[in-house]
N, C-alpha and C. Protein backbone atom coordinates (compact mmCIF):
# COMPACT_ATOMS: atom_id res chain seq x y z
N LEU A 1 -12.56 11.55 -21.32
CA LEU A 1 -11.47 11.34 -22.77
C LEU A 1 -12.10 10.23 -23.53
N GLY A 2 -12.88 9.46 -22.92
CA GLY A 2 -13.40 8.14 -23.67
C GLY A 2 -12.29 7.07 -23.70
N PHE A 3 -11.49 6.91 -23.02
CA PHE A 3 -10.41 5.98 -23.21
C PHE A 3 -10.41 5.16 -21.67
N ARG A 4 -10.43 4.10 -21.66
CA ARG A 4 -10.27 3.42 -20.36
C ARG A 4 -8.61 2.63 -20.45
N CYS A 5 -7.66 2.97 -19.47
CA CYS A 5 -6.48 2.41 -19.64
C CYS A 5 -6.65 0.84 -18.83
N PRO A 6 -5.71 0.04 -19.66
CA PRO A 6 -5.93 -1.32 -19.39
C PRO A 6 -5.26 -1.88 -18.10
N ASN A 7 -4.43 -0.77 -17.27
CA ASN A 7 -4.05 -1.20 -16.21
C ASN A 7 -5.16 -0.70 -14.90
N PRO A 8 -4.96 -1.55 -13.72
CA PRO A 8 -6.14 -1.04 -12.86
C PRO A 8 -6.00 0.32 -12.06
N LYS A 9 -6.89 0.95 -11.74
CA LYS A 9 -6.87 2.19 -11.10
C LYS A 9 -6.42 1.68 -9.81
N LEU A 10 -5.18 2.40 -9.32
CA LEU A 10 -4.51 2.43 -7.73
C LEU A 10 -4.17 3.55 -7.49
N THR A 11 -3.96 3.65 -5.97
CA THR A 11 -3.34 4.99 -5.47
C THR A 11 -2.00 4.89 -5.76
N GLN A 12 -1.16 5.95 -5.48
CA GLN A 12 0.08 5.83 -5.60
C GLN A 12 0.82 4.63 -4.84
N GLU A 13 0.59 4.69 -3.59
CA GLU A 13 0.88 3.77 -2.80
C GLU A 13 0.71 2.37 -3.13
N GLU A 14 -0.41 2.01 -3.41
CA GLU A 14 -0.72 0.63 -3.93
C GLU A 14 0.18 0.21 -5.28
N ALA A 15 0.31 1.18 -6.10
CA ALA A 15 1.26 0.90 -7.47
C ALA A 15 2.56 0.64 -6.84
N VAL A 16 3.08 1.48 -5.82
CA VAL A 16 4.48 1.00 -5.38
C VAL A 16 4.28 -0.35 -4.66
N LEU A 17 3.50 -0.60 -3.84
CA LEU A 17 3.38 -2.00 -3.12
C LEU A 17 3.29 -2.98 -3.99
N HIS A 18 2.35 -2.78 -5.07
CA HIS A 18 2.44 -4.00 -5.96
C HIS A 18 3.47 -4.00 -7.10
N ARG A 19 4.41 -3.12 -7.12
CA ARG A 19 5.42 -3.17 -7.89
C ARG A 19 4.82 -2.98 -9.32
N ILE A 20 3.84 -1.99 -9.46
CA ILE A 20 3.39 -2.01 -10.98
C ILE A 20 4.57 -1.31 -11.80
N HIS A 21 4.98 -1.84 -12.86
CA HIS A 21 6.01 -1.27 -13.85
C HIS A 21 5.38 -1.30 -15.27
N LEU A 22 5.37 -0.03 -16.03
CA LEU A 22 4.84 0.18 -17.07
C LEU A 22 6.19 0.43 -17.98
N ARG A 23 5.80 0.43 -19.47
CA ARG A 23 6.53 0.41 -20.39
C ARG A 23 7.64 1.70 -20.39
N PHE A 24 7.17 2.85 -19.89
CA PHE A 24 7.89 4.03 -19.77
C PHE A 24 8.13 4.40 -18.32
N GLY A 25 8.22 3.76 -17.43
CA GLY A 25 8.41 3.73 -16.04
C GLY A 25 7.24 3.94 -15.32
N ASP A 26 6.73 5.24 -15.24
CA ASP A 26 5.40 5.81 -14.58
C ASP A 26 4.12 5.60 -15.41
N HIS A 27 4.60 5.33 -16.65
CA HIS A 27 3.41 5.27 -17.68
C HIS A 27 3.41 4.18 -18.84
N ASP A 28 2.26 4.20 -19.41
CA ASP A 28 2.45 3.50 -20.66
C ASP A 28 1.64 4.28 -21.84
N ARG A 29 1.94 3.95 -22.91
CA ARG A 29 1.17 4.89 -24.07
C ARG A 29 0.63 3.98 -25.01
N HIS A 30 -0.75 4.35 -25.21
CA HIS A 30 -1.71 3.71 -26.17
C HIS A 30 -2.10 4.42 -27.33
N ALA A 31 -2.22 4.07 -28.44
CA ALA A 31 -2.75 5.01 -29.60
C ALA A 31 -3.96 5.12 -29.52
N ASP A 32 -4.27 6.54 -30.07
CA ASP A 32 -5.82 6.93 -30.35
C ASP A 32 -6.33 6.41 -31.49
N SER A 33 -7.31 5.49 -31.51
CA SER A 33 -7.72 5.01 -32.56
C SER A 33 -8.25 5.67 -33.54
N SER A 34 -8.53 7.00 -33.28
CA SER A 34 -9.56 7.79 -34.11
C SER A 34 -8.55 8.95 -34.83
N ASP A 35 -7.14 8.93 -34.20
CA ASP A 35 -6.20 10.21 -34.84
C ASP A 35 -4.69 9.51 -34.73
N CYS A 36 -4.17 9.45 -35.86
CA CYS A 36 -2.76 8.97 -35.61
C CYS A 36 -1.77 9.66 -34.85
N ARG A 37 -2.10 10.89 -34.95
CA ARG A 37 -1.25 12.24 -34.10
C ARG A 37 -1.14 11.97 -32.56
N TYR A 38 -2.42 11.40 -32.01
CA TYR A 38 -2.69 11.42 -30.62
C TYR A 38 -2.54 10.11 -30.11
N PHE A 39 -2.32 9.97 -28.68
CA PHE A 39 -1.95 8.88 -27.95
C PHE A 39 -2.55 8.93 -26.73
N PHE A 40 -2.80 8.00 -25.85
CA PHE A 40 -3.17 8.31 -24.32
C PHE A 40 -1.92 7.52 -23.43
N MET A 41 -1.56 8.29 -22.37
CA MET A 41 -0.66 7.94 -21.55
C MET A 41 -1.39 7.34 -20.29
N CYS A 42 -1.31 6.42 -20.04
CA CYS A 42 -1.68 5.60 -18.76
C CYS A 42 -0.80 5.58 -17.74
N LEU A 43 -1.08 6.37 -16.52
CA LEU A 43 -0.35 6.48 -15.33
C LEU A 43 -0.37 5.12 -14.65
N VAL A 44 0.66 5.01 -13.72
CA VAL A 44 0.68 4.08 -12.95
C VAL A 44 -0.52 3.69 -11.99
N THR A 45 -1.16 4.84 -11.87
CA THR A 45 -2.34 4.79 -11.14
C THR A 45 -3.54 4.57 -11.67
N GLY A 46 -3.55 4.40 -13.27
CA GLY A 46 -4.69 3.93 -14.11
C GLY A 46 -5.40 5.04 -14.56
N GLN A 47 -4.85 6.20 -14.24
CA GLN A 47 -5.65 7.45 -15.06
C GLN A 47 -5.20 7.71 -16.36
N PRO A 48 -6.07 7.91 -17.19
CA PRO A 48 -5.56 8.32 -18.78
C PRO A 48 -5.22 9.73 -19.15
N ARG A 49 -4.30 10.22 -19.67
CA ARG A 49 -4.02 11.50 -20.48
C ARG A 49 -3.95 11.45 -21.82
N ARG A 50 -4.37 12.35 -22.45
CA ARG A 50 -4.30 12.31 -23.84
C ARG A 50 -3.09 13.38 -24.27
N ALA A 51 -2.33 12.88 -24.98
CA ALA A 51 -1.02 13.65 -25.57
C ALA A 51 -1.09 13.59 -27.09
N GLY A 52 -0.28 14.43 -27.64
CA GLY A 52 0.08 14.15 -28.97
C GLY A 52 1.45 14.63 -29.70
N CYS A 53 1.46 14.32 -30.81
CA CYS A 53 3.08 14.43 -31.38
C CYS A 53 3.04 15.84 -32.23
N GLY A 54 4.08 16.19 -32.46
CA GLY A 54 4.18 17.61 -33.17
C GLY A 54 5.05 17.42 -34.61
N ARG A 55 5.05 18.63 -34.95
CA ARG A 55 6.38 18.78 -36.30
C ARG A 55 6.29 17.70 -37.28
N GLY A 56 5.22 17.19 -37.77
CA GLY A 56 4.86 16.12 -38.70
C GLY A 56 5.01 14.88 -38.40
N LYS A 57 5.05 14.67 -37.03
CA LYS A 57 5.23 13.20 -36.52
C LYS A 57 3.82 12.57 -36.21
N VAL A 58 3.79 11.38 -36.27
CA VAL A 58 2.48 10.49 -35.72
C VAL A 58 3.08 9.40 -34.69
N PHE A 59 2.00 8.95 -33.91
CA PHE A 59 2.40 8.11 -32.91
C PHE A 59 2.47 6.73 -33.48
N ASP A 60 3.62 6.04 -33.32
CA ASP A 60 3.80 4.79 -33.57
C ASP A 60 3.56 3.73 -32.37
N ARG A 61 2.67 3.09 -32.56
CA ARG A 61 2.08 2.05 -31.60
C ARG A 61 3.03 0.88 -31.04
N ALA A 62 3.93 0.50 -32.03
CA ALA A 62 4.86 -0.63 -31.85
C ALA A 62 5.99 -0.15 -30.80
N THR A 63 6.23 1.17 -31.05
CA THR A 63 7.52 1.66 -30.16
C THR A 63 7.16 2.39 -29.09
N GLY A 64 5.76 3.08 -29.25
CA GLY A 64 5.22 3.95 -28.13
C GLY A 64 5.64 5.37 -28.24
N ILE A 65 6.52 5.73 -29.31
CA ILE A 65 7.20 7.16 -29.40
C ILE A 65 6.35 7.91 -30.58
N CYS A 66 6.80 8.94 -30.60
CA CYS A 66 6.28 9.88 -32.03
C CYS A 66 7.49 9.62 -33.22
N ARG A 67 7.23 9.42 -34.32
CA ARG A 67 8.00 9.26 -35.31
C ARG A 67 7.48 9.90 -36.60
N LEU A 68 8.36 10.38 -37.58
CA LEU A 68 7.73 10.79 -38.87
C LEU A 68 6.86 10.12 -39.40
N ALA A 69 5.89 10.68 -40.02
CA ALA A 69 4.77 9.96 -40.62
C ALA A 69 5.25 8.85 -41.68
N LYS A 70 6.07 9.32 -42.49
CA LYS A 70 6.77 8.31 -43.54
C LYS A 70 7.16 7.18 -42.87
N ASP A 71 7.66 7.21 -41.67
CA ASP A 71 8.11 5.76 -41.08
C ASP A 71 7.13 5.00 -40.33
N VAL A 72 6.06 5.21 -40.36
CA VAL A 72 4.86 4.62 -39.55
C VAL A 72 3.83 4.13 -40.70
N PRO A 73 4.13 2.92 -41.25
CA PRO A 73 3.34 2.56 -42.39
C PRO A 73 1.71 2.81 -42.38
N GLU A 74 1.09 2.52 -41.10
CA GLU A 74 -0.30 3.06 -41.22
C GLU A 74 -0.81 4.30 -40.98
N CYS A 75 0.19 5.22 -40.90
CA CYS A 75 -0.15 6.70 -40.75
C CYS A 75 0.59 7.33 -41.85
N SER A 76 1.37 6.83 -42.88
CA SER A 76 2.16 7.44 -43.59
C SER A 76 1.68 8.59 -44.52
N ASP A 77 0.30 8.56 -44.81
CA ASP A 77 -0.23 9.70 -45.40
C ASP A 77 -1.10 10.53 -44.68
N TYR A 78 -0.96 10.64 -43.24
CA TYR A 78 -1.57 11.42 -42.27
C TYR A 78 -1.47 13.05 -42.67
N TYR A 79 -0.36 13.58 -42.90
CA TYR A 79 -0.28 14.81 -43.41
C TYR A 79 -0.35 15.06 -44.79
N GLY A 80 -0.70 14.19 -45.49
CA GLY A 80 -1.00 14.52 -46.91
C GLY A 80 0.07 14.84 -47.91
N SER A 81 0.04 15.73 -48.67
CA SER A 81 1.15 16.28 -49.67
C SER A 81 2.21 17.09 -48.97
N ALA A 82 3.09 17.44 -49.57
CA ALA A 82 4.05 18.31 -49.20
C ALA A 82 3.82 19.59 -48.59
N GLN A 83 2.72 20.15 -49.43
CA GLN A 83 2.05 21.37 -48.88
C GLN A 83 1.58 21.28 -47.47
N ALA A 84 0.90 20.26 -47.05
CA ALA A 84 0.44 20.03 -45.83
C ALA A 84 1.62 19.89 -44.84
N GLN A 85 2.83 19.30 -45.14
CA GLN A 85 3.74 19.37 -44.43
C GLN A 85 4.54 20.73 -44.14
N THR A 86 4.47 21.47 -45.26
CA THR A 86 5.08 22.86 -44.98
C THR A 86 4.36 23.69 -44.07
N SER A 87 2.90 23.61 -44.08
CA SER A 87 1.99 24.17 -43.33
C SER A 87 2.18 23.81 -41.64
N GLY A 88 2.41 22.31 -41.71
CA GLY A 88 2.95 21.80 -40.31
C GLY A 88 4.33 22.30 -39.72
N ALA A 89 5.16 22.69 -40.59
CA ALA A 89 6.49 23.36 -40.35
C ALA A 89 6.19 24.68 -39.62
N SER A 90 5.22 25.59 -40.45
CA SER A 90 4.68 26.82 -39.58
C SER A 90 4.18 26.64 -38.26
N GLN A 91 3.39 25.61 -38.25
CA GLN A 91 2.75 25.25 -36.90
C GLN A 91 3.81 24.95 -35.87
N GLY A 92 4.94 24.14 -36.32
CA GLY A 92 6.11 23.73 -35.41
C GLY A 92 6.79 25.18 -35.02
N GLN A 93 6.87 26.05 -36.02
CA GLN A 93 7.60 27.31 -35.49
C GLN A 93 6.74 27.91 -34.27
N ALA A 94 5.32 28.00 -34.71
CA ALA A 94 4.66 28.65 -33.80
C ALA A 94 4.56 28.09 -32.40
N THR A 95 4.69 26.55 -32.10
CA THR A 95 5.06 25.90 -31.14
C THR A 95 6.42 26.31 -30.52
N ASP A 96 7.33 26.39 -31.35
CA ASP A 96 8.80 26.55 -30.85
C ASP A 96 8.66 28.04 -30.06
N ALA A 97 8.14 28.99 -30.79
CA ALA A 97 7.97 30.37 -29.98
C ALA A 97 7.18 30.32 -28.82
N ARG A 98 6.15 29.45 -28.80
CA ARG A 98 5.40 29.46 -27.55
C ARG A 98 6.32 28.75 -26.47
N ILE A 99 7.08 27.76 -26.72
CA ILE A 99 8.05 27.05 -25.69
C ILE A 99 9.03 28.34 -25.20
N LEU A 100 9.52 28.97 -26.27
CA LEU A 100 10.48 30.03 -25.72
C LEU A 100 9.81 30.96 -24.88
N ARG A 101 8.59 31.40 -25.03
CA ARG A 101 8.00 32.32 -24.08
C ARG A 101 7.69 31.65 -22.89
N ILE A 102 7.31 30.45 -22.77
CA ILE A 102 7.22 29.60 -21.44
C ILE A 102 8.30 29.70 -20.64
N GLN A 103 9.64 29.32 -21.59
CA GLN A 103 10.84 29.36 -20.79
C GLN A 103 11.18 30.64 -20.25
N GLU A 104 10.95 31.73 -21.06
CA GLU A 104 11.27 33.01 -20.30
C GLU A 104 10.30 33.19 -19.21
N ASP A 105 9.31 33.09 -19.15
CA ASP A 105 8.36 33.05 -18.11
C ASP A 105 8.89 32.27 -16.78
N ILE A 106 9.13 31.13 -17.16
CA ILE A 106 9.86 30.35 -15.99
C ILE A 106 11.07 30.91 -15.31
N SER A 107 12.03 31.41 -16.52
CA SER A 107 13.05 32.10 -15.92
C SER A 107 12.89 33.14 -15.25
N ARG A 108 11.94 34.19 -15.11
CA ARG A 108 11.49 35.24 -14.74
C ARG A 108 10.79 34.93 -13.34
N GLN A 109 10.08 33.69 -13.12
CA GLN A 109 9.77 33.36 -11.95
C GLN A 109 10.57 32.77 -10.98
N PHE A 110 11.80 31.93 -11.51
CA PHE A 110 12.74 31.69 -10.61
C PHE A 110 14.24 32.33 -10.47
N GLN A 111 14.19 33.77 -10.88
CA GLN A 111 15.16 34.41 -10.89
C GLN A 111 15.88 34.50 -9.50
N THR A 112 15.09 34.65 -8.65
CA THR A 112 15.36 34.81 -7.06
C THR A 112 15.73 33.36 -6.83
N GLY A 113 15.19 32.25 -6.94
CA GLY A 113 15.41 30.88 -6.54
C GLY A 113 15.04 30.58 -5.09
N GLY A 114 14.25 31.65 -4.64
CA GLY A 114 13.86 31.49 -3.36
C GLY A 114 14.95 31.67 -2.06
N GLY A 115 16.16 32.23 -2.64
CA GLY A 115 17.19 32.69 -1.81
C GLY A 115 18.22 31.46 -1.52
N ILE A 116 17.76 30.27 -2.07
CA ILE A 116 18.70 29.16 -2.09
C ILE A 116 19.75 29.09 -3.15
N PRO A 117 20.95 29.18 -2.82
CA PRO A 117 21.93 28.96 -3.79
C PRO A 117 22.01 27.91 -4.72
N GLY A 118 22.07 27.73 -6.09
CA GLY A 118 22.13 26.65 -6.97
C GLY A 118 20.60 26.25 -7.13
N ARG A 119 19.72 26.75 -6.40
CA ARG A 119 18.31 26.41 -6.48
C ARG A 119 17.80 26.66 -7.79
N THR A 120 17.98 27.97 -8.07
CA THR A 120 17.48 28.56 -9.18
C THR A 120 17.78 27.56 -10.50
N SER A 121 18.87 27.22 -10.88
CA SER A 121 19.34 26.41 -11.97
C SER A 121 18.77 25.13 -11.92
N GLN A 122 18.57 24.56 -10.78
CA GLN A 122 17.95 23.23 -10.55
C GLN A 122 16.38 23.13 -10.91
N LEU A 123 15.94 24.32 -10.59
CA LEU A 123 14.45 24.39 -10.91
C LEU A 123 14.40 24.81 -12.34
N LEU A 124 15.16 25.51 -13.04
CA LEU A 124 14.93 25.71 -14.26
C LEU A 124 15.34 24.67 -15.12
N THR A 125 16.26 23.76 -14.68
CA THR A 125 16.63 22.71 -15.56
C THR A 125 15.41 21.65 -15.48
N ARG A 126 14.96 21.28 -14.51
CA ARG A 126 13.87 20.71 -14.30
C ARG A 126 12.48 21.37 -14.89
N GLY A 127 12.09 22.44 -14.98
CA GLY A 127 11.06 22.91 -15.92
C GLY A 127 11.18 22.80 -17.11
N LYS A 128 12.55 22.97 -17.81
CA LYS A 128 12.74 22.86 -19.23
C LYS A 128 12.54 21.29 -19.48
N ARG A 129 13.16 20.57 -18.66
CA ARG A 129 12.99 18.91 -19.04
C ARG A 129 11.52 18.76 -19.06
N GLU A 130 10.82 19.00 -18.15
CA GLU A 130 9.45 18.65 -18.27
C GLU A 130 8.56 19.44 -19.34
N LEU A 131 8.93 20.70 -19.63
CA LEU A 131 8.39 21.23 -20.83
C LEU A 131 8.75 20.65 -22.31
N TYR A 132 10.03 20.24 -22.33
CA TYR A 132 10.46 19.46 -23.48
C TYR A 132 9.65 17.98 -23.54
N GLU A 133 9.43 17.42 -22.53
CA GLU A 133 8.97 16.07 -22.30
C GLU A 133 7.14 16.29 -22.80
N PHE A 134 6.58 17.33 -22.48
CA PHE A 134 5.42 17.53 -22.72
C PHE A 134 5.22 17.84 -24.40
N ALA A 135 6.33 18.63 -24.83
CA ALA A 135 5.99 19.22 -26.34
C ALA A 135 6.65 18.12 -27.08
N ASP A 136 7.67 17.28 -26.83
CA ASP A 136 7.97 16.16 -27.56
C ASP A 136 8.22 14.87 -26.92
N PRO A 137 7.24 13.91 -26.73
CA PRO A 137 7.11 12.85 -26.09
C PRO A 137 8.11 11.79 -25.98
N GLU A 138 8.83 11.89 -27.03
CA GLU A 138 10.26 10.93 -27.48
C GLU A 138 11.13 11.35 -26.71
N GLY A 139 11.25 12.27 -26.15
CA GLY A 139 12.61 12.98 -25.41
C GLY A 139 13.39 13.83 -26.23
N PHE A 140 14.39 14.16 -25.65
CA PHE A 140 15.42 15.57 -26.21
C PHE A 140 16.62 15.11 -26.23
């Protein structure tokens, strides 16, 4: 990834023992200096993960969340003209379609719920939450 997290590399047990707390609970977020749309998530264990913003948004290094480009002064021209934002909207629609396909696949996989009553909806809710957190880092 070419990025080094500022927090030390620890095992999960060491992080709990040393009571490591980061801005977003189990991780912190740092801007990718080469692209306004992307950022790095630094896990409590010190491992970096690269993530990105979607649907006309950029990473706001002050708040650590994705916001509309017009609301982040250093990245306000990231998407350029309205024409570029329109094409970004069609990409957003493609992403939405992909998310729907993934949700349908998850639903099919957990239809039986392993024979445990109530387990199916619990697994689906968890899967959808994780899916949306991945697709839209600022939450839903």
